[in-house]
C-alpha atoms as a PDB file:
ATOM      1  CA  UNK A   1      84.918   7.206  67.494  1.00  0.00           C
ATOM      2  CA  UNK A   2      88.528   8.335  67.498  1.00  0.00           C
ATOM      3  CA  UNK A   3      89.072  12.042  68.021  1.00  0.00           C
ATOM      4  CA  UNK A   4      91.382  14.641  66.444  1.00  0.00           C
ATOM      5  CA  UNK A   5      92.047  18.056  67.983  1.00  0.00           C
ATOM      6  CA  UNK A   6      92.088  20.976  65.538  1.00  0.00           C
ATOM      7  CA  UNK A   7      93.860  24.179  66.548  1.00  0.00           C
ATOM      8  CA  UNK A   8      93.032  27.301  64.553  1.00  0.00           C
ATOM      9  CA  UNK A   9      95.684  29.920  65.249  1.00  0.00           C
ATOM     10  CA  UNK A  10      95.817  33.676  65.449  1.00  0.00           C
ATOM     11  CA  UNK A  11      93.846  35.441  62.757  1.00  0.00           C
ATOM     12  CA  UNK A  12      91.772  32.472  61.685  1.00  0.00           C
ATOM     13  CA  UNK A  13      88.727  34.205  63.186  1.00  0.00           C
ATOM     14  CA  UNK A  14      88.885  36.825  60.402  1.00  0.00           C
ATOM     15  CA  UNK A  15      89.124  34.380  57.487  1.00  0.00           C
ATOM     16  CA  UNK A  16      86.777  35.377  54.699  1.00  0.00           C
ATOM     17  CA  UNK A  17      87.002  39.016  55.800  1.00  0.00           C
ATOM     18  CA  UNK A  18      90.657  39.952  55.236  1.00  0.00           C
ATOM     19  CA  UNK A  19      93.332  38.805  52.773  1.00  0.00           C
ATOM     20  CA  UNK A  20      90.647  37.092  50.711  1.00  0.00           C
ATOM     21  CA  UNK A  21      92.993  37.201  47.710  1.00  0.00           C
ATOM     22  CA  UNK A  22      95.366  34.843  49.586  1.00  0.00           C
ATOM     23  CA  UNK A  23      93.077  32.730  51.746  1.00  0.00           C
ATOM     24  CA  UNK A  24      89.747  32.856  49.909  1.00  0.00           C
ATOM     25  CA  UNK A  25      86.237  33.854  50.975  1.00  0.00           C
ATOM     26  CA  UNK A  26      85.511  31.017  53.438  1.00  0.00           C
ATOM     27  CA  UNK A  27      84.810  32.077  57.019  1.00  0.00           C
ATOM     28  CA  UNK A  28      86.137  30.148  59.996  1.00  0.00           C
ATOM     29  CA  UNK A  29      82.679  28.695  60.631  1.00  0.00           C
ATOM     30  CA  UNK A  30      82.546  27.423  57.038  1.00  0.00           C
ATOM     31  CA  UNK A  31      86.073  26.011  57.303  1.00  0.00           C
ATOM     32  CA  UNK A  32      85.263  24.253  60.574  1.00  0.00           C
ATOM     33  CA  UNK A  33      82.034  22.809  59.136  1.00  0.00           C
ATOM     34  CA  UNK A  34      84.012  21.363  56.217  1.00  0.00           C
ATOM     35  CA  UNK A  35      86.577  19.927  58.642  1.00  0.00           C
ATOM     36  CA  UNK A  36      83.788  18.179  60.569  1.00  0.00           C
ATOM     37  CA  UNK A  37      82.379  16.739  57.318  1.00  0.00           C
ATOM     38  CA  UNK A  38      85.827  15.593  56.170  1.00  0.00           C
ATOM     39  CA  UNK A  39      86.437  13.967  59.562  1.00  0.00           C
ATOM     40  CA  UNK A  40      83.101  12.151  59.547  1.00  0.00           C
ATOM     41  CA  UNK A  41      83.862  10.832  56.052  1.00  0.00           C
ATOM     42  CA  UNK A  42      86.888   8.986  57.464  1.00  0.00           C
ATOM     43  CA  UNK A  43      85.195   7.972  60.720  1.00  0.00           C
ATOM     44  CA  UNK A  44      86.935  10.536  62.924  1.00  0.00           C
ATOM     45  CA  UNK A  45      85.526  13.170  65.248  1.00  0.00           C
ATOM     46  CA  UNK A  46      87.060  16.606  65.701  1.00  0.00           C
ATOM     47  CA  UNK A  47      87.178  19.186  68.442  1.00  0.00           C
ATOM     48  CA  UNK A  48      88.128  22.652  67.226  1.00  0.00           C
ATOM     49  CA  UNK A  49      89.811  25.393  69.250  1.00  0.00           C
ATOM     50  CA  UNK A  50      90.669  28.899  68.041  1.00  0.00           C
ATOM     51  CA  UNK A  51      92.471  31.694  69.816  1.00  0.00           C
ATOM     52  CA  UNK A  52      94.484  34.778  68.978  1.00  0.00           C
ATOM     53  CA  UNK A  53      96.283  34.393  72.307  1.00  0.00           C
ATOM     54  CA  UNK A  54      99.346  32.142  72.211  1.00  0.00           C
ATOM     55  CA  UNK A  55      99.233  31.523  75.980  1.00  0.00           C
ATOM     56  CA  UNK A  56      95.614  30.338  75.735  1.00  0.00           C
ATOM     57  CA  UNK A  57      96.523  28.114  72.786  1.00  0.00           C
ATOM     58  CA  UNK A  58      99.461  26.617  74.689  1.00  0.00           C
ATOM     59  CA  UNK A  59      97.235  25.970  77.719  1.00  0.00           C
ATOM     60  CA  UNK A  60      94.607  24.247  75.568  1.00  0.00           C
ATOM     61  CA  UNK A  61      97.201  22.014  73.905  1.00  0.00           C
ATOM     62  CA  UNK A  62      98.711  21.141  77.287  1.00  0.00           C
ATOM     63  CA  UNK A  63      95.244  20.006  78.379  1.00  0.00           C
ATOM     64  CA  UNK A  64      94.993  17.457  75.560  1.00  0.00           C
ATOM     65  CA  UNK A  65      95.729  13.836  76.357  1.00  0.00           C
ATOM     66  CA  UNK A  66      96.685  10.936  74.143  1.00  0.00           C
ATOM     67  CA  UNK A  67      93.975   8.735  75.653  1.00  0.00           C
ATOM     68  CA  UNK A  68      91.310  11.032  74.176  1.00  0.00           C
ATOM     69  CA  UNK A  69      92.977  12.307  70.983  1.00  0.00           C
ATOM     70  CA  UNK A  70      94.751  10.196  68.370  1.00  0.00           C
ATOM     71  CA  UNK A  71      96.224  13.243  66.605  1.00  0.00           C
ATOM     72  CA  UNK A  72      96.034  17.000  66.254  1.00  0.00           C
ATOM     73  CA  UNK A  73      95.985  19.364  63.305  1.00  0.00           C
ATOM     74  CA  UNK A  74      97.202  22.926  63.676  1.00  0.00           C
ATOM     75  CA  UNK A  75      96.846  25.836  61.312  1.00  0.00           C
ATOM     76  CA  UNK A  76      99.090  28.213  63.243  1.00  0.00           C
ATOM     77  CA  UNK A  77      98.198  31.132  60.963  1.00  0.00           C
ATOM     78  CA  UNK A  78      99.543  34.190  62.814  1.00  0.00           C
ATOM     79  CA  UNK A  79     101.578  31.921  65.094  1.00  0.00           C
ATOM     80  CA  UNK A  80     103.458  30.331  62.150  1.00  0.00           C
ATOM     81  CA  UNK A  81     106.695  32.256  62.651  1.00  0.00           C
ATOM     82  CA  UNK A  82     106.339  32.961  66.365  1.00  0.00           C
ATOM     83  CA  UNK A  83     109.301  32.583  68.684  1.00  0.00           C
ATOM     84  CA  UNK A  84     107.006  31.894  71.649  1.00  0.00           C
ATOM     85  CA  UNK A  85     106.327  28.654  73.534  1.00  0.00           C
ATOM     86  CA  UNK A  86     103.901  27.088  71.037  1.00  0.00           C
ATOM     87  CA  UNK A  87     106.465  24.990  69.145  1.00  0.00           C
ATOM     88  CA  UNK A  88     107.981  23.653  72.356  1.00  0.00           C
ATOM     89  CA  UNK A  89     104.528  22.756  73.682  1.00  0.00           C
ATOM     90  CA  UNK A  90     103.767  20.778  70.523  1.00  0.00           C
ATOM     91  CA  UNK A  91     107.187  19.090  70.698  1.00  0.00           C
ATOM     92  CA  UNK A  92     106.466  17.986  74.267  1.00  0.00           C
ATOM     93  CA  UNK A  93     102.973  16.664  73.478  1.00  0.00           C
ATOM     94  CA  UNK A  94     102.263  12.933  73.407  1.00  0.00           C
ATOM     95  CA  UNK A  95      99.892  13.596  70.508  1.00  0.00           C
ATOM     96  CA  UNK A  96     101.204  13.666  66.920  1.00  0.00           C
ATOM     97  CA  UNK A  97     100.621  17.089  65.322  1.00  0.00           C
ATOM     98  CA  UNK A  98     100.188  17.894  61.639  1.00  0.00           C
ATOM     99  CA  UNK A  99     100.517  21.461  60.335  1.00  0.00           C
ATOM    100  CA  UNK A 100      98.047  22.693  57.707  1.00  0.00           C
ATOM    101  CA  UNK A 101      98.003  25.924  55.687  1.00  0.00           C
ATOM    102  CA  UNK A 102      95.516  26.891  52.978  1.00  0.00           C
ATOM    103  CA  UNK A 103      98.249  28.783  51.144  1.00  0.00           C
ATOM    104  CA  UNK A 104     101.963  28.094  50.828  1.00  0.00           C
ATOM    105  CA  UNK A 105     103.722  30.187  53.503  1.00  0.00           C
ATOM    106  CA  UNK A 106     107.078  29.752  51.737  1.00  0.00           C
ATOM    107  CA  UNK A 107     105.670  31.577  48.718  1.00  0.00           C
ATOM    108  CA  UNK A 108     105.320  34.622  50.991  1.00  0.00           C
ATOM    109  CA  UNK A 109     108.816  34.105  52.447  1.00  0.00           C
ATOM    110  CA  UNK A 110     107.401  32.850  55.758  1.00  0.00           C
ATOM    111  CA  UNK A 111     109.251  30.020  57.501  1.00  0.00           C
ATOM    112  CA  UNK A 112     107.223  27.987  59.959  1.00  0.00           C
ATOM    113  CA  UNK A 113     108.633  27.508  63.448  1.00  0.00           C
ATOM    114  CA  UNK A 114     105.871  24.942  64.067  1.00  0.00           C
ATOM    115  CA  UNK A 115     106.415  22.503  61.187  1.00  0.00           C
ATOM    116  CA  UNK A 116     109.770  21.149  62.445  1.00  0.00           C
ATOM    117  CA  UNK A 117     108.049  19.763  65.576  1.00  0.00           C
ATOM    118  CA  UNK A 118     105.137  18.242  63.635  1.00  0.00           C
ATOM    119  CA  UNK A 119     104.910  14.766  62.139  1.00  0.00           C
ATOM    120  CA  UNK A 120     104.045  16.291  58.782  1.00  0.00           C
ATOM    121  CA  UNK A 121     102.424  19.178  57.010  1.00  0.00           C
ATOM    122  CA  UNK A 122     100.077  20.078  54.183  1.00  0.00           C
ATOM    123  CA  UNK A 123     100.103  23.439  52.431  1.00  0.00           C
ATOM    124  CA  UNK A 124      98.835  25.042  49.279  1.00  0.00           C
ATOM    125  CA  UNK A 125      95.652  23.005  48.763  1.00  0.00           C
ATOM    126  CA  UNK A 126      93.253  25.561  50.206  1.00  0.00           C
ATOM    127  CA  UNK A 127      91.065  24.319  53.007  1.00  0.00           C
ATOM    128  CA  UNK A 128      91.031  20.876  51.406  1.00  0.00           C
ATOM    129  CA  UNK A 129      94.370  20.516  53.210  1.00  0.00           C
ATOM    130  CA  UNK A 130      92.525  19.669  56.415  1.00  0.00           C
ATOM    131  CA  UNK A 131      90.801  16.774  54.628  1.00  0.00           C
ATOM    132  CA  UNK A 132      94.136  15.592  53.271  1.00  0.00           C
ATOM    133  CA  UNK A 133      95.565  15.653  56.796  1.00  0.00           C
ATOM    134  CA  UNK A 134      92.530  13.825  58.216  1.00  0.00           C
ATOM    135  CA  UNK A 135      92.731  11.102  55.555  1.00  0.00           C
ATOM    136  CA  UNK A 136      96.452  10.740  56.270  1.00  0.00           C
ATOM    137  CA  UNK A 137      95.753  10.430  59.989  1.00  0.00           C
ATOM    138  CA  UNK A 138      93.109   7.764  59.294  1.00  0.00           C
ATOM    139  CA  UNK A 139      95.555   5.853  57.087  1.00  0.00           C
ATOM    140  CA  UNK A 140      98.252   5.973  59.787  1.00  0.00           C
ATOM    141  CA  UNK A 141      95.784   4.578  62.336  1.00  0.00           C
ATOM    142  CA  UNK A 142      94.762   1.736  60.065  1.00  0.00           C
ATOM    143  CA  UNK A 143      98.334   0.527  59.440  1.00  0.00           C
END
């Protein structure tokens, strides 16, 4: 089964506990369970990584290889507007990345530094955005 890496960025570990009015009541465990179900529905497997440490996130992404992963999804969350090395790491990856946000960062006047180095992005559809990204990845593989 083809595999997709999922990177949950800084602050995703407190989903369902803070800013519920923006991001909803779902916890990270619930979000990740839905991602796994959405992936299975389109015959993909996922491996999820979460960290609040940009250096650890960069190291994990650098350890990914295109022979094992057909794509990656990132919800950068607290890393969305970072000036650190994350965007450059994604740009240098052999794996196509897709950015996902439950909300619309632009509505909060946040400009992503990650999206310009991604193949595409999905925002504003809640956590269904991961499923949209996974279905899009599946469609791109089947072309």
